[in-house]
């Protein structure tokens, strides 16, 4: 059986992305991959906080003023956000994105309490009113941000589009958030390297994956170091400070949104993250603050 690998590289959601398909027909593979890229871009345009015409920007612009009508897809994402808030004990909160205004990870500076405190007052899922098809942020200045699971959702949507078109072999990789459609055409799994959290070009482990999804959260993506302490972009919504305990957490799950949400919640829970991972029944590979590697069924 011919196992020709077709790929397309593109940039989306602030990340380098790739789709790979194993298929004998190159023309059909290219056409389908372009359709999948279009789906990723549709989601990015619809939900990016950087686009003034996105539904996220419109909801944020009306904070403290009025509710904004949303479609079914958006309403379902808000329902998922509510479930994540509950599952994480309030740590996965899509209103916490406003805290990024206090942090610039391009320079080593910790914001003072006088800067963080007014932003913390704008954080809180309880201040979001979700109607059947409308969303209202109660306080002016509040913001919601789907960045915590947006790429994973897009990876799932793109993979679903490909599967519905008959694709059975390949994967979607959006900046390391991966959804697998199926093994290579000869049945062999895909060999995937997991980024080493302290070596830019290093691989922590290599795993074989044929189906499901793989996502990693870590303290190495956006960070600075100051006085021997690393400050990363994953912020605790309770105090606005970066989490510290885990260097990275990788999770293998049936779908990308589950893998990414689970890895992020584990990071947010810090020392309690291991109990959360063990309770999730998902395979994982985690590296703690001392460099110790902990895993279940992933390697």
Protein backbone atom coordinates (compact mmCIF):
# COMPACT_ATOMS: atom_id res chain seq x y z
CA UNK A 1 0.00 0.00 0.00
CA UNK A 2 1.39 3.41 -0.96
CA UNK A 3 1.78 5.56 2.16
CA UNK A 4 2.27 9.00 0.58
CA UNK A 5 2.30 11.79 3.16
CA UNK A 6 0.80 15.10 2.10
CA UNK A 7 1.18 18.18 4.28
CA UNK A 8 0.31 21.82 4.43
CA UNK A 9 1.95 24.41 6.69
CA UNK A 10 0.19 27.62 7.73
CA UNK A 11 0.06 30.22 10.49
CA UNK A 12 -3.08 30.62 12.58
CA UNK A 13 -4.02 31.66 16.10
CA UNK A 14 -0.52 32.97 16.74
CA UNK A 15 1.02 29.56 16.06
CA UNK A 16 2.79 27.57 13.39
CA UNK A 17 0.34 24.92 12.21
CA UNK A 18 0.39 21.80 10.08
CA UNK A 19 -1.98 19.25 8.62
CA UNK A 20 -0.70 15.87 7.45
CA UNK A 21 -2.70 13.30 5.53
CA UNK A 22 -1.63 9.88 4.34
CA UNK A 23 -3.45 9.33 1.06
CA UNK A 24 -2.71 7.97 -2.44
CA UNK A 25 -4.43 10.90 -4.18
CA UNK A 26 -2.37 14.06 -3.69
CA UNK A 27 -4.83 16.42 -5.41
CA UNK A 28 -7.75 15.34 -3.22
CA UNK A 29 -5.57 15.53 -0.11
CA UNK A 30 -4.53 19.11 -0.93
CA UNK A 31 -8.11 20.18 -1.58
CA UNK A 32 -9.33 18.71 1.70
CA UNK A 33 -6.45 20.18 3.68
CA UNK A 34 -7.23 23.64 2.32
CA UNK A 35 -10.86 23.20 3.42
CA UNK A 36 -9.62 22.29 6.90
CA UNK A 37 -7.39 25.38 6.98
CA UNK A 38 -10.40 27.50 6.00
CA UNK A 39 -12.29 26.06 8.98
CA UNK A 40 -9.46 26.95 11.34
CA UNK A 41 -9.39 30.50 9.97
CA UNK A 42 -13.18 30.77 10.29
CA UNK A 43 -12.94 29.98 13.98
CA UNK A 44 -10.01 32.34 14.45
CA UNK A 45 -11.86 35.21 12.78
CA UNK A 46 -15.02 34.53 14.75
CA UNK A 47 -13.45 34.26 18.20
CA UNK A 48 -10.15 36.15 18.16
CA UNK A 49 -9.89 38.88 20.79
CA UNK A 50 -7.54 40.71 18.39
CA UNK A 51 -10.23 41.26 15.75
CA UNK A 52 -12.66 44.10 16.47
CA UNK A 53 -15.36 42.38 14.40
CA UNK A 54 -15.21 39.06 16.28
CA UNK A 55 -18.06 37.99 18.54
CA UNK A 56 -15.63 37.99 21.49
CA UNK A 57 -14.69 41.62 20.84
CA UNK A 58 -18.34 42.60 20.49
CA UNK A 59 -19.26 40.95 23.79
CA UNK A 60 -16.33 42.67 25.52
CA UNK A 61 -17.20 46.05 24.01
CA UNK A 62 -20.70 45.86 25.49
CA UNK A 63 -19.53 44.85 28.98
CA UNK A 64 -21.58 46.66 31.62
CA UNK A 65 -23.98 47.96 28.98
CA UNK A 66 -26.09 45.28 27.33
CA UNK A 67 -26.33 41.63 26.34
CA UNK A 68 -25.04 40.53 22.94
CA UNK A 69 -26.89 37.99 20.79
CA UNK A 70 -24.91 34.85 19.96
CA UNK A 71 -25.45 31.82 17.74
CA UNK A 72 -25.68 28.19 18.82
CA UNK A 73 -21.99 27.47 18.30
CA UNK A 74 -20.98 30.36 20.56
CA UNK A 75 -23.59 29.47 23.17
CA UNK A 76 -22.20 25.93 23.29
CA UNK A 77 -18.67 27.25 23.83
CA UNK A 78 -19.93 29.31 26.77
CA UNK A 79 -21.55 26.17 28.17
CA UNK A 80 -18.21 24.43 27.87
CA UNK A 81 -16.50 27.34 29.63
CA UNK A 82 -19.00 26.99 32.49
CA UNK A 83 -18.21 23.28 32.75
CA UNK A 84 -14.47 24.00 32.86
CA UNK A 85 -14.97 26.59 35.60
CA UNK A 86 -16.82 24.01 37.67
CA UNK A 87 -14.40 21.15 36.97
CA UNK A 88 -11.41 23.28 37.90
CA UNK A 89 -12.84 24.64 41.13
CA UNK A 90 -12.99 28.11 39.61
CA UNK A 91 -9.42 28.17 38.30
CA UNK A 92 -10.22 27.86 34.58
CA UNK A 93 -12.04 31.16 34.14
CA UNK A 94 -12.39 32.72 30.68
CA UNK A 95 -12.83 36.16 32.28
CA UNK A 96 -9.24 36.04 33.60
CA UNK A 97 -7.77 37.07 30.24
CA UNK A 98 -8.08 40.69 31.34
CA UNK A 99 -5.10 40.04 33.64
CA UNK A 100 -2.82 40.02 30.61
CA UNK A 101 -3.02 43.84 30.70
CA UNK A 102 -0.80 43.73 33.78
CA UNK A 103 1.82 41.39 32.33
CA UNK A 104 4.32 41.89 29.51
CA UNK A 105 6.36 38.72 29.17
CA UNK A 106 8.76 40.43 26.79
CA UNK A 107 10.38 42.21 29.74
CA UNK A 108 11.18 41.01 33.29
CA UNK A 109 8.86 43.04 35.49
CA UNK A 110 6.29 41.91 38.08
CA UNK A 111 3.26 44.22 38.22
CA UNK A 112 2.55 45.84 41.60
CA UNK A 113 -0.61 45.15 43.58
CA UNK A 114 -1.96 48.57 42.59
CA UNK A 115 -2.03 47.39 38.97
CA UNK A 116 -3.36 43.88 39.61
CA UNK A 117 -6.13 44.67 42.10
CA UNK A 118 -8.45 46.65 39.79
CA UNK A 119 -8.09 43.94 37.14
CA UNK A 120 -8.83 41.16 39.64
CA UNK A 121 -12.13 42.90 40.39
CA UNK A 122 -13.10 42.28 36.75
CA UNK A 123 -12.38 38.53 36.96
CA UNK A 124 -15.18 36.15 37.88
CA UNK A 125 -17.39 33.77 35.95
CA UNK A 126 -20.25 34.65 38.32
CA UNK A 127 -20.31 38.06 36.63
CA UNK A 128 -21.19 36.52 33.26
CA UNK A 129 -24.90 36.15 32.43
CA UNK A 130 -25.52 33.43 29.85
CA UNK A 131 -28.95 33.47 28.27
CA UNK A 132 -30.07 30.83 25.80
CA UNK A 133 -28.67 32.87 22.92
CA UNK A 134 -27.18 35.99 24.50
CA UNK A 135 -24.24 36.89 26.73
CA UNK A 136 -23.90 39.79 29.14
CA UNK A 137 -20.81 40.83 31.11
CA UNK A 138 -22.09 42.65 34.16
CA UNK A 139 -19.18 45.02 34.77
CA UNK A 140 -17.68 47.56 32.40
CA UNK A 141 -14.11 46.61 31.59
CA UNK A 142 -14.72 42.87 31.82
CA UNK A 143 -13.42 40.66 29.03
CA UNK A 144 -13.88 37.06 28.00
CA UNK A 145 -11.21 35.17 26.10
CA UNK A 146 -11.48 31.74 24.47
CA UNK A 147 -7.70 31.44 24.21
CA UNK A 148 -7.68 28.69 26.82
CA UNK A 149 -9.36 26.23 24.46
CA UNK A 150 -9.72 28.02 21.12
CA UNK A 151 -6.91 26.22 19.29
CA UNK A 152 -8.04 22.87 20.58
CA UNK A 153 -11.61 23.54 19.45
CA UNK A 154 -10.34 24.54 16.00
CA UNK A 155 -8.21 21.37 15.78
CA UNK A 156 -11.25 19.24 16.59
CA UNK A 157 -13.43 21.07 14.08
CA UNK A 158 -10.83 20.77 11.29
CA UNK A 159 -10.32 17.06 12.00
CA UNK A 160 -14.08 16.47 12.07
CA UNK A 161 -14.44 18.16 8.67
CA UNK A 162 -11.75 15.87 7.25
CA UNK A 163 -13.30 12.75 8.76
CA UNK A 164 -16.72 13.65 7.39
CA UNK A 165 -15.06 13.97 3.95
CA UNK A 166 -13.83 10.39 4.24
CA UNK A 167 -10.27 10.95 5.50
CA UNK A 168 -9.05 8.09 7.70
CA UNK A 169 -5.30 8.71 8.01
CA UNK A 170 -3.67 11.88 9.28
CA UNK A 171 -3.67 14.59 11.91
CA UNK A 172 -4.18 18.30 12.57
CA UNK A 173 -1.49 20.14 14.55
CA UNK A 174 -2.23 23.69 15.68
CA UNK A 175 0.83 24.89 17.52
CA UNK A 176 1.26 21.59 19.35
CA UNK A 177 -2.43 20.99 20.02
CA UNK A 178 -3.06 17.87 17.96
CA UNK A 179 -6.10 15.90 16.84
CA UNK A 180 -5.43 12.55 15.17
CA UNK A 181 -7.74 11.23 12.47
CA UNK A 182 -6.18 7.79 12.19
CA UNK A 183 -2.86 5.95 11.69
CA UNK A 184 -0.75 5.87 8.57
CA UNK A 185 -2.21 3.91 5.67
CA UNK A 186 -0.16 0.84 6.57
CA UNK A 187 -1.50 0.90 10.11
CA UNK A 188 1.62 2.30 11.77
CA UNK A 189 1.04 5.04 14.34
CA UNK A 190 2.39 8.57 14.05
CA UNK A 191 5.57 9.16 16.06
CA UNK A 192 5.17 12.44 17.98
CA UNK A 193 7.84 14.24 19.96
CA UNK A 194 6.84 16.16 23.10
CA UNK A 195 8.66 19.45 23.62
CA UNK A 196 11.25 19.52 26.38
CA UNK A 197 10.27 22.34 28.77
CA UNK A 198 13.88 23.48 29.33
CA UNK A 199 15.56 22.73 26.00
CA UNK A 200 14.28 24.77 23.06
CA UNK A 201 15.25 22.14 20.51
CA UNK A 202 14.96 19.17 22.86
CA UNK A 203 12.41 16.37 22.93
CA UNK A 204 11.17 15.19 26.31
CA UNK A 205 9.71 11.95 24.96
CA UNK A 206 8.49 10.41 21.73
CA UNK A 207 5.14 8.64 21.71
CA UNK A 208 3.16 6.66 19.14
CA UNK A 209 -0.37 7.94 18.49
CA UNK A 210 -3.01 6.75 16.03
CA UNK A 211 -6.20 8.33 17.33
CA UNK A 212 -7.48 10.83 19.87
CA UNK A 213 -5.76 14.09 20.72
CA UNK A 214 -2.61 15.35 22.40
CA UNK A 215 -2.14 18.75 24.03
CA UNK A 216 0.57 20.27 26.19
CA UNK A 217 0.54 23.23 28.58
CA UNK A 218 3.78 24.55 30.02
CA UNK A 219 5.72 27.39 31.56
CA UNK A 220 8.10 27.69 28.59
CA UNK A 221 5.90 29.24 25.91
CA UNK A 222 5.80 32.85 27.16
CA UNK A 223 7.82 33.69 30.23
CA UNK A 224 10.59 35.74 31.77
CA UNK A 225 13.01 35.07 34.59
CA UNK A 226 13.70 37.52 37.41
CA UNK A 227 15.84 36.94 40.50
CA UNK A 228 15.99 33.22 39.78
CA UNK A 229 12.20 32.85 39.47
CA UNK A 230 10.36 31.95 36.27
CA UNK A 231 7.12 33.84 35.55
CA UNK A 232 4.96 32.21 32.85
CA UNK A 233 1.82 33.30 31.01
CA UNK A 234 -0.57 30.91 32.80
CA UNK A 235 -2.13 33.07 35.51
CA UNK A 236 -4.01 32.12 38.66
CA UNK A 237 -7.32 34.05 38.53
CA UNK A 238 -7.37 34.39 42.31
CA UNK A 239 -4.27 36.55 42.66
CA UNK A 240 -3.24 37.31 39.08
CA UNK A 241 0.15 35.66 39.54
CA UNK A 242 1.75 33.04 37.27
CA UNK A 243 1.52 29.40 38.28
CA UNK A 244 4.77 27.77 39.35
CA UNK A 245 4.61 24.07 40.14
CA UNK A 246 4.63 22.34 36.73
CA UNK A 247 7.10 22.84 33.93
CA UNK A 248 4.82 21.07 31.47
CA UNK A 249 1.79 18.81 31.35
CA UNK A 250 0.88 16.74 28.28
CA UNK A 251 -2.44 14.89 28.09
CA UNK A 252 -3.78 12.32 25.63
CA UNK A 253 -7.58 12.39 25.36
CA UNK A 254 -10.33 11.46 22.88
CA UNK A 255 -10.65 15.07 21.62
CA UNK A 256 -8.35 18.10 21.66
CA UNK A 257 -10.57 20.33 23.80
CA UNK A 258 -10.51 17.69 26.54
CA UNK A 259 -6.74 17.19 26.30
CA UNK A 260 -5.99 20.92 26.36
CA UNK A 261 -8.45 21.73 29.13
CA UNK A 262 -7.13 18.90 31.29
CA UNK A 263 -3.48 19.95 30.85
CA UNK A 264 -4.27 23.59 31.60
CA UNK A 265 -6.35 22.79 34.68
CA UNK A 266 -3.50 20.63 35.99
CA UNK A 267 -1.12 23.58 35.55
CA UNK A 268 -3.57 25.89 37.34
CA UNK A 269 -4.05 23.49 40.23
CA UNK A 270 -0.28 23.42 40.77
CA UNK A 271 0.52 20.92 43.58
CA UNK A 272 -3.01 19.52 43.39
CA UNK A 273 -2.64 18.98 39.65
CA UNK A 274 -1.41 15.41 39.98
CA UNK A 275 -4.54 14.35 41.89
CA UNK A 276 -6.62 16.00 39.17
CA UNK A 277 -4.73 14.17 36.42
CA UNK A 278 -5.08 10.82 38.17
CA UNK A 279 -8.81 11.40 38.66
CA UNK A 280 -9.26 12.27 34.97
CA UNK A 281 -8.49 8.71 33.76
CA UNK A 282 -6.53 10.21 30.86
CA UNK A 283 -2.96 9.36 29.90
CA UNK A 284 -0.47 12.09 30.80
CA UNK A 285 3.18 13.06 31.01
CA UNK A 286 4.04 15.84 33.46
CA UNK A 287 7.29 17.46 34.57
CA UNK A 288 7.32 19.14 37.99
CA UNK A 289 9.35 22.11 39.21
CA UNK A 290 12.31 19.89 40.07
CA UNK A 291 12.40 18.24 36.65
CA UNK A 292 10.86 14.95 37.81
CA UNK A 293 8.83 13.23 35.11
CA UNK A 294 5.50 11.69 36.12
CA UNK A 295 3.33 9.78 33.69
CA UNK A 296 0.51 7.33 33.15
CA UNK A 297 0.08 5.21 30.00
CA UNK A 298 1.65 7.84 27.73
CA UNK A 299 5.21 6.51 27.37
